[in-house]
Amino acid sequence: MSSILCTSILSCIDLRDSDFKPDNEDSRLPAYSEKGYDIAGALINNDAWRAERKPFSEVMLVDISKTDTMVFEMYGKLIDGVGQGDYIDFYIYQTRVVINSFADLKKLEGKTISLNGENNYAEVKYSPKNEIPYYNKNGIGNLIFKSIREIENVTYNNTTSESLFHLHSVYISGTFELSFKDSLENQIKINKGRFDFKAYFKQKQ
């Protein structure tokens, strides 16, 4: 059976401004795409959020290190509104899913992950400028992996360790809608979410 050498699928390419195509309905957001542009966008209570890599971090991560839980993470910041420039990160948890190969990842294509705030749920990390970050948890909504497309499958053989593995470069694209309540029971709505990343999946044979 195949096993994973790494514990994550990650996107670590700098965002390319030339690839930004504005959405026809809201020019603050990127148009939905499936070309690996390493970009994401959404409206958070009508303020625009876009994916952006923090210093020494990635723009997207799929954590598959847990036994039966996949965590889809996106990092970015507000580009307008009162909190303009504040970092906001999303963490979406799906339980009862095991990814041991690229074929397992491909099975998510076309699937809608319904988030009930319990076994499948979302968290948002809000990092205001010069303040301590805080979380809103138990978010509900949905995440749809509309396209998971392999671009390349390269075989590597490390002669020093005699290990053989495949490196799959893939495009992962889809949409998301989330809803949270803050500490004062105010509703936080994230809508018109879309993402389009180029990622890498490392699989030992």
C-alpha atoms as a PDB file:
ATOM      1  CA  MET A   1       0.000   0.000   0.000  1.00  0.00           C
ATOM      2  CA  SER A   2       1.141   3.522  -0.701  1.00  0.00           C
ATOM      3  CA  SER A   3       2.040   5.767   2.185  1.00  0.00           C
ATOM      4  CA  ILE A   4       2.540   9.494   2.494  1.00  0.00           C
ATOM      5  CA  LEU A   5       6.048  10.790   3.013  1.00  0.00           C
ATOM      6  CA  CYS A   6       4.895  14.281   3.840  1.00  0.00           C
ATOM      7  CA  THR A   7       2.039  15.231   6.142  1.00  0.00           C
ATOM      8  CA  SER A   8       0.599  17.980   4.021  1.00  0.00           C
ATOM      9  CA  ILE A   9      -0.298  19.122   0.546  1.00  0.00           C
ATOM     10  CA  LEU A  10       0.888  22.679   0.213  1.00  0.00           C
ATOM     11  CA  SER A  11       0.876  25.667  -2.075  1.00  0.00           C
ATOM     12  CA  CYS A  12       3.951  27.813  -1.651  1.00  0.00           C
ATOM     13  CA  ILE A  13       4.179  29.892  -4.817  1.00  0.00           C
ATOM     14  CA  ASP A  14       4.088  33.686  -4.595  1.00  0.00           C
ATOM     15  CA  LEU A  15       0.828  35.214  -5.736  1.00  0.00           C
ATOM     16  CA  ARG A  16       1.072  36.528  -9.257  1.00  0.00           C
ATOM     17  CA  ASP A  17      -0.697  39.844  -9.814  1.00  0.00           C
ATOM     18  CA  SER A  18      -0.779  39.218 -13.551  1.00  0.00           C
ATOM     19  CA  ASP A  19      -3.031  36.195 -12.941  1.00  0.00           C
ATOM     20  CA  PHE A  20      -5.646  38.193 -11.033  1.00  0.00           C
ATOM     21  CA  LYS A  21      -8.821  38.446 -13.080  1.00  0.00           C
ATOM     22  CA  PRO A  22     -11.601  40.389 -11.300  1.00  0.00           C
ATOM     23  CA  ASP A  23     -14.990  38.818 -10.789  1.00  0.00           C
ATOM     24  CA  ASN A  24     -17.674  40.302 -13.027  1.00  0.00           C
ATOM     25  CA  GLU A  25     -20.037  40.912 -10.089  1.00  0.00           C
ATOM     26  CA  ASP A  26     -17.469  42.207  -7.579  1.00  0.00           C
ATOM     27  CA  SER A  27     -14.083  43.406  -8.843  1.00  0.00           C
ATOM     28  CA  ARG A  28     -12.540  43.056  -5.376  1.00  0.00           C
ATOM     29  CA  LEU A  29     -12.688  39.289  -5.744  1.00  0.00           C
ATOM     30  CA  PRO A  30     -10.840  37.051  -8.192  1.00  0.00           C
ATOM     31  CA  ALA A  31     -12.994  35.427 -10.833  1.00  0.00           C
ATOM     32  CA  TYR A  32     -13.462  31.708 -10.272  1.00  0.00           C
ATOM     33  CA  SER A  33     -10.767  29.755 -12.112  1.00  0.00           C
ATOM     34  CA  GLU A  34      -9.212  26.289 -12.308  1.00  0.00           C
ATOM     35  CA  LYS A  35      -5.727  27.151 -13.567  1.00  0.00           C
ATOM     36  CA  GLY A  36      -3.574  27.048 -10.427  1.00  0.00           C
ATOM     37  CA  TYR A  37      -3.353  30.812  -9.957  1.00  0.00           C
ATOM     38  CA  ASP A  38      -2.627  30.436  -6.207  1.00  0.00           C
ATOM     39  CA  ILE A  39      -5.392  32.801  -5.258  1.00  0.00           C
ATOM     40  CA  ALA A  40      -8.568  32.803  -3.197  1.00  0.00           C
ATOM     41  CA  GLY A  41     -11.167  35.372  -2.262  1.00  0.00           C
ATOM     42  CA  ALA A  42     -14.368  35.850  -0.287  1.00  0.00           C
ATOM     43  CA  LEU A  43     -16.603  38.466   1.307  1.00  0.00           C
ATOM     44  CA  ILE A  44     -16.584  38.624   5.117  1.00  0.00           C
ATOM     45  CA  ASN A  45     -19.648  40.608   6.157  1.00  0.00           C
ATOM     46  CA  ASN A  46     -19.207  42.347   2.780  1.00  0.00           C
ATOM     47  CA  ASP A  47     -15.530  43.237   3.333  1.00  0.00           C
ATOM     48  CA  ALA A  48     -13.232  41.657   0.765  1.00  0.00           C
ATOM     49  CA  TRP A  49     -10.670  39.023   1.794  1.00  0.00           C
ATOM     50  CA  ARG A  50      -7.986  37.618  -0.483  1.00  0.00           C
ATOM     51  CA  ALA A  51      -5.400  34.886   0.004  1.00  0.00           C
ATOM     52  CA  GLU A  52      -1.925  36.139   0.793  1.00  0.00           C
ATOM     53  CA  ARG A  53       1.151  34.408   2.095  1.00  0.00           C
ATOM     54  CA  LYS A  54       2.436  35.568   5.465  1.00  0.00           C
ATOM     55  CA  PRO A  55       6.197  35.784   6.059  1.00  0.00           C
ATOM     56  CA  PHE A  56       7.700  32.286   6.340  1.00  0.00           C
ATOM     57  CA  SER A  57       4.401  30.544   5.587  1.00  0.00           C
ATOM     58  CA  GLU A  58       2.301  29.182   2.746  1.00  0.00           C
ATOM     59  CA  VAL A  59      -0.853  30.486   1.126  1.00  0.00           C
ATOM     60  CA  MET A  60      -2.722  27.162   1.436  1.00  0.00           C
ATOM     61  CA  LEU A  61      -2.229  23.875   3.284  1.00  0.00           C
ATOM     62  CA  VAL A  62      -4.072  20.566   3.341  1.00  0.00           C
ATOM     63  CA  ASP A  63      -3.082  18.811   6.554  1.00  0.00           C
ATOM     64  CA  ILE A  64      -3.476  15.020   6.209  1.00  0.00           C
ATOM     65  CA  SER A  65      -1.292  14.078   9.180  1.00  0.00           C
ATOM     66  CA  LYS A  66      -4.228  13.259  11.452  1.00  0.00           C
ATOM     67  CA  THR A  67      -5.590   9.707  11.549  1.00  0.00           C
ATOM     68  CA  ASP A  68      -9.023  10.358  10.019  1.00  0.00           C
ATOM     69  CA  THR A  69      -9.319  14.129   9.638  1.00  0.00           C
ATOM     70  CA  MET A  70      -8.360  16.394   6.767  1.00  0.00           C
ATOM     71  CA  VAL A  71      -7.813  20.096   7.468  1.00  0.00           C
ATOM     72  CA  PHE A  72      -8.047  22.535   4.560  1.00  0.00           C
ATOM     73  CA  GLU A  73      -6.328  25.817   5.466  1.00  0.00           C
ATOM     74  CA  MET A  74      -6.217  29.156   3.641  1.00  0.00           C
ATOM     75  CA  TYR A  75      -4.290  32.230   4.741  1.00  0.00           C
ATOM     76  CA  GLY A  76      -4.956  35.831   3.711  1.00  0.00           C
ATOM     77  CA  LYS A  77      -6.039  39.292   4.773  1.00  0.00           C
ATOM     78  CA  LEU A  78      -8.771  41.906   4.387  1.00  0.00           C
ATOM     79  CA  ILE A  79      -8.176  44.286   1.492  1.00  0.00           C
ATOM     80  CA  ASP A  80     -10.788  46.876   2.477  1.00  0.00           C
ATOM     81  CA  GLY A  81     -13.147  47.886   5.284  1.00  0.00           C
ATOM     82  CA  VAL A  82     -12.386  48.888   8.874  1.00  0.00           C
ATOM     83  CA  GLY A  83      -9.997  45.940   9.311  1.00  0.00           C
ATOM     84  CA  GLN A  84      -8.099  46.498   6.068  1.00  0.00           C
ATOM     85  CA  GLY A  85      -4.715  44.784   6.285  1.00  0.00           C
ATOM     86  CA  ASP A  86      -5.705  42.427   9.127  1.00  0.00           C
ATOM     87  CA  TYR A  87      -4.814  38.784   8.566  1.00  0.00           C
ATOM     88  CA  ILE A  88      -7.661  36.259   8.549  1.00  0.00           C
ATOM     89  CA  ASP A  89      -7.043  32.517   8.181  1.00  0.00           C
ATOM     90  CA  PHE A  90      -9.575  29.744   7.569  1.00  0.00           C
ATOM     91  CA  TYR A  91      -9.362  26.160   8.853  1.00  0.00           C
ATOM     92  CA  ILE A  92     -11.946  23.681   7.571  1.00  0.00           C
ATOM     93  CA  TYR A  93     -12.070  20.249   9.241  1.00  0.00           C
ATOM     94  CA  GLN A  94     -13.527  17.124   7.661  1.00  0.00           C
ATOM     95  CA  THR A  95     -13.578  13.995   9.805  1.00  0.00           C
ATOM     96  CA  ARG A  96     -13.804  10.375   8.697  1.00  0.00           C
ATOM     97  CA  VAL A  97     -11.605  10.921   5.669  1.00  0.00           C
ATOM     98  CA  VAL A  98      -8.234   9.254   5.057  1.00  0.00           C
ATOM     99  CA  ILE A  99      -5.900  10.324   2.241  1.00  0.00           C
ATOM    100  CA  ASN A 100      -3.161   7.788   1.559  1.00  0.00           C
ATOM    101  CA  SER A 101      -2.659   8.413  -2.145  1.00  0.00           C
ATOM    102  CA  PHE A 102      -3.393  10.865  -4.923  1.00  0.00           C
ATOM    103  CA  ALA A 103      -6.326   8.621  -5.887  1.00  0.00           C
ATOM    104  CA  ASP A 104      -7.837   9.290  -2.441  1.00  0.00           C
ATOM    105  CA  LEU A 105      -7.435  13.030  -2.966  1.00  0.00           C
ATOM    106  CA  LYS A 106      -9.020  12.794  -6.423  1.00  0.00           C
ATOM    107  CA  LYS A 107     -12.131  11.204  -4.867  1.00  0.00           C
ATOM    108  CA  LEU A 108     -12.924  14.568  -3.275  1.00  0.00           C
ATOM    109  CA  GLU A 109     -13.472  16.137  -6.699  1.00  0.00           C
ATOM    110  CA  GLY A 110     -17.078  17.211  -7.152  1.00  0.00           C
ATOM    111  CA  LYS A 111     -17.857  16.557  -3.487  1.00  0.00           C
ATOM    112  CA  THR A 112     -19.604  19.023  -1.198  1.00  0.00           C
ATOM    113  CA  ILE A 113     -18.383  18.925   2.397  1.00  0.00           C
ATOM    114  CA  SER A 114     -21.276  20.034   4.583  1.00  0.00           C
ATOM    115  CA  LEU A 115     -20.116  21.695   7.791  1.00  0.00           C
ATOM    116  CA  ASN A 116     -22.494  21.195  10.726  1.00  0.00           C
ATOM    117  CA  GLY A 117     -20.294  22.853  13.358  1.00  0.00           C
ATOM    118  CA  GLU A 118     -19.646  19.534  15.119  1.00  0.00           C
ATOM    119  CA  ASN A 119     -17.781  16.675  13.416  1.00  0.00           C
ATOM    120  CA  ASN A 120     -17.261  18.729  10.240  1.00  0.00           C
ATOM    121  CA  TYR A 121     -16.655  22.379  11.068  1.00  0.00           C
ATOM    122  CA  ALA A 122     -14.704  25.547  10.311  1.00  0.00           C
ATOM    123  CA  GLU A 123     -12.556  27.904  12.357  1.00  0.00           C
ATOM    124  CA  VAL A 124     -11.445  31.414  11.512  1.00  0.00           C
ATOM    125  CA  LYS A 125      -8.356  33.036  13.022  1.00  0.00           C
ATOM    126  CA  TYR A 126      -8.487  36.818  13.117  1.00  0.00           C
ATOM    127  CA  SER A 127      -5.221  38.698  13.651  1.00  0.00           C
ATOM    128  CA  PRO A 128      -5.878  42.433  14.084  1.00  0.00           C
ATOM    129  CA  LYS A 129      -2.867  44.690  13.703  1.00  0.00           C
ATOM    130  CA  ASN A 130      -0.870  44.999  16.948  1.00  0.00           C
ATOM    131  CA  GLU A 131      -3.352  42.848  18.867  1.00  0.00           C
ATOM    132  CA  ILE A 132      -3.513  39.253  20.070  1.00  0.00           C
ATOM    133  CA  PRO A 133      -5.104  36.922  17.482  1.00  0.00           C
ATOM    134  CA  TYR A 134      -8.394  35.256  18.384  1.00  0.00           C
ATOM    135  CA  TYR A 135     -10.523  32.423  16.972  1.00  0.00           C
ATOM    136  CA  ASN A 136     -14.164  31.938  16.109  1.00  0.00           C
ATOM    137  CA  LYS A 137     -14.972  28.232  16.115  1.00  0.00           C
ATOM    138  CA  ASN A 138     -17.696  25.736  15.223  1.00  0.00           C
ATOM    139  CA  GLY A 139     -18.440  27.399  11.896  1.00  0.00           C
ATOM    140  CA  ILE A 140     -21.083  25.938   9.602  1.00  0.00           C
ATOM    141  CA  GLY A 141     -21.467  26.087   5.813  1.00  0.00           C
ATOM    142  CA  ASN A 142     -20.004  24.128   2.928  1.00  0.00           C
ATOM    143  CA  LEU A 143     -16.788  23.514   1.007  1.00  0.00           C
ATOM    144  CA  ILE A 144     -16.876  22.235  -2.568  1.00  0.00           C
ATOM    145  CA  PHE A 145     -13.828  20.793  -4.325  1.00  0.00           C
ATOM    146  CA  LYS A 146     -14.964  21.454  -7.888  1.00  0.00           C
ATOM    147  CA  SER A 147     -11.749  20.404  -9.623  1.00  0.00           C
ATOM    148  CA  ILE A 148      -8.707  18.349  -8.552  1.00  0.00           C
ATOM    149  CA  ARG A 149      -6.533  17.924 -11.613  1.00  0.00           C
ATOM    150  CA  GLU A 150      -3.106  16.348 -11.851  1.00  0.00           C
ATOM    151  CA  ILE A 151      -0.633  18.343 -13.932  1.00  0.00           C
ATOM    152  CA  GLU A 152       2.415  16.154 -13.601  1.00  0.00           C
ATOM    153  CA  ASN A 153       3.503  12.917 -11.932  1.00  0.00           C
ATOM    154  CA  VAL A 154       7.277  12.786 -11.498  1.00  0.00           C
ATOM    155  CA  THR A 155       9.131   9.781 -10.078  1.00  0.00           C
ATOM    156  CA  TYR A 156      12.131  10.474  -7.855  1.00  0.00           C
ATOM    157  CA  ASN A 157      14.729   8.024  -6.590  1.00  0.00           C
ATOM    158  CA  ASN A 158      16.919   9.199  -3.718  1.00  0.00           C
ATOM    159  CA  THR A 159      20.095   7.158  -4.105  1.00  0.00           C
ATOM    160  CA  THR A 160      21.296   7.955  -0.579  1.00  0.00           C
ATOM    161  CA  SER A 161      18.206   6.560   1.160  1.00  0.00           C
ATOM    162  CA  GLU A 162      17.047   4.235  -1.639  1.00  0.00           C
ATOM    163  CA  SER A 163      13.578   5.749  -1.393  1.00  0.00           C
ATOM    164  CA  LEU A 164      11.281   5.990  -4.393  1.00  0.00           C
ATOM    165  CA  PHE A 165       8.389   8.422  -4.457  1.00  0.00           C
ATOM    166  CA  HIS A 166       6.048  10.214  -6.823  1.00  0.00           C
ATOM    167  CA  LEU A 167       5.545  13.962  -6.683  1.00  0.00           C
ATOM    168  CA  HIS A 168       2.123  14.916  -8.040  1.00  0.00           C
ATOM    169  CA  SER A 169       1.649  18.558  -8.954  1.00  0.00           C
ATOM    170  CA  VAL A 170      -2.066  19.337  -8.996  1.00  0.00           C
ATOM    171  CA  TYR A 171      -4.588  22.131  -9.377  1.00  0.00           C
ATOM    172  CA  ILE A 172      -7.151  22.293  -6.540  1.00  0.00           C
ATOM    173  CA  SER A 173     -10.110  24.621  -7.114  1.00  0.00           C
ATOM    174  CA  GLY A 174     -13.513  25.153  -5.560  1.00  0.00           C
ATOM    175  CA  THR A 175     -15.854  27.332  -3.541  1.00  0.00           C
ATOM    176  CA  PHE A 176     -16.865  27.852   0.092  1.00  0.00           C
ATOM    177  CA  GLU A 177     -19.552  29.554   2.200  1.00  0.00           C
ATOM    178  CA  LEU A 178     -19.211  29.817   6.001  1.00  0.00           C
ATOM    179  CA  SER A 179     -21.036  31.283   8.974  1.00  0.00           C
ATOM    180  CA  PHE A 180     -19.841  31.942  12.548  1.00  0.00           C
ATOM    181  CA  LYS A 181     -20.986  33.677  15.710  1.00  0.00           C
ATOM    182  CA  ASP A 182     -18.545  35.829  17.645  1.00  0.00           C
ATOM    183  CA  SER A 183     -18.308  36.110  21.441  1.00  0.00           C
ATOM    184  CA  LEU A 184     -21.231  38.552  21.454  1.00  0.00           C
ATOM    185  CA  GLU A 185     -23.389  36.226  19.326  1.00  0.00           C
ATOM    186  CA  ASN A 186     -23.036  38.513  16.309  1.00  0.00           C
ATOM    187  CA  GLN A 187     -23.119  36.649  13.022  1.00  0.00           C
ATOM    188  CA  ILE A 188     -20.087  36.544  10.749  1.00  0.00           C
ATOM    189  CA  LYS A 189     -20.952  35.504   7.199  1.00  0.00           C
ATOM    190  CA  ILE A 190     -18.388  34.474   4.613  1.00  0.00           C
ATOM    191  CA  ASN A 191     -19.868  34.190   1.140  1.00  0.00           C
ATOM    192  CA  LYS A 192     -18.812  34.098  -2.499  1.00  0.00           C
ATOM    193  CA  GLY A 193     -15.703  32.175  -1.451  1.00  0.00           C
ATOM    194  CA  ARG A 194     -13.568  30.733  -4.232  1.00  0.00           C
ATOM    195  CA  PHE A 195     -10.044  29.252  -4.405  1.00  0.00           C
ATOM    196  CA  ASP A 196      -7.628  28.101  -7.099  1.00  0.00           C
ATOM    197  CA  PHE A 197      -4.255  26.688  -5.990  1.00  0.00           C
ATOM    198  CA  LYS A 198      -1.366  24.780  -7.458  1.00  0.00           C
ATOM    199  CA  ALA A 199      -0.266  22.216  -4.890  1.00  0.00           C
ATOM    200  CA  TYR A 200       2.124  19.293  -4.458  1.00  0.00           C
ATOM    201  CA  PHE A 201       1.361  15.802  -3.200  1.00  0.00           C
ATOM    202  CA  LYS A 202       4.304  13.557  -2.293  1.00  0.00           C
ATOM    203  CA  GLN A 203       3.560   9.826  -2.290  1.00  0.00           C
ATOM    204  CA  LYS A 204       5.936   6.970  -1.481  1.00  0.00           C
ATOM    205  CA  GLN A 205       5.607   3.772  -3.473  1.00  0.00           C
END
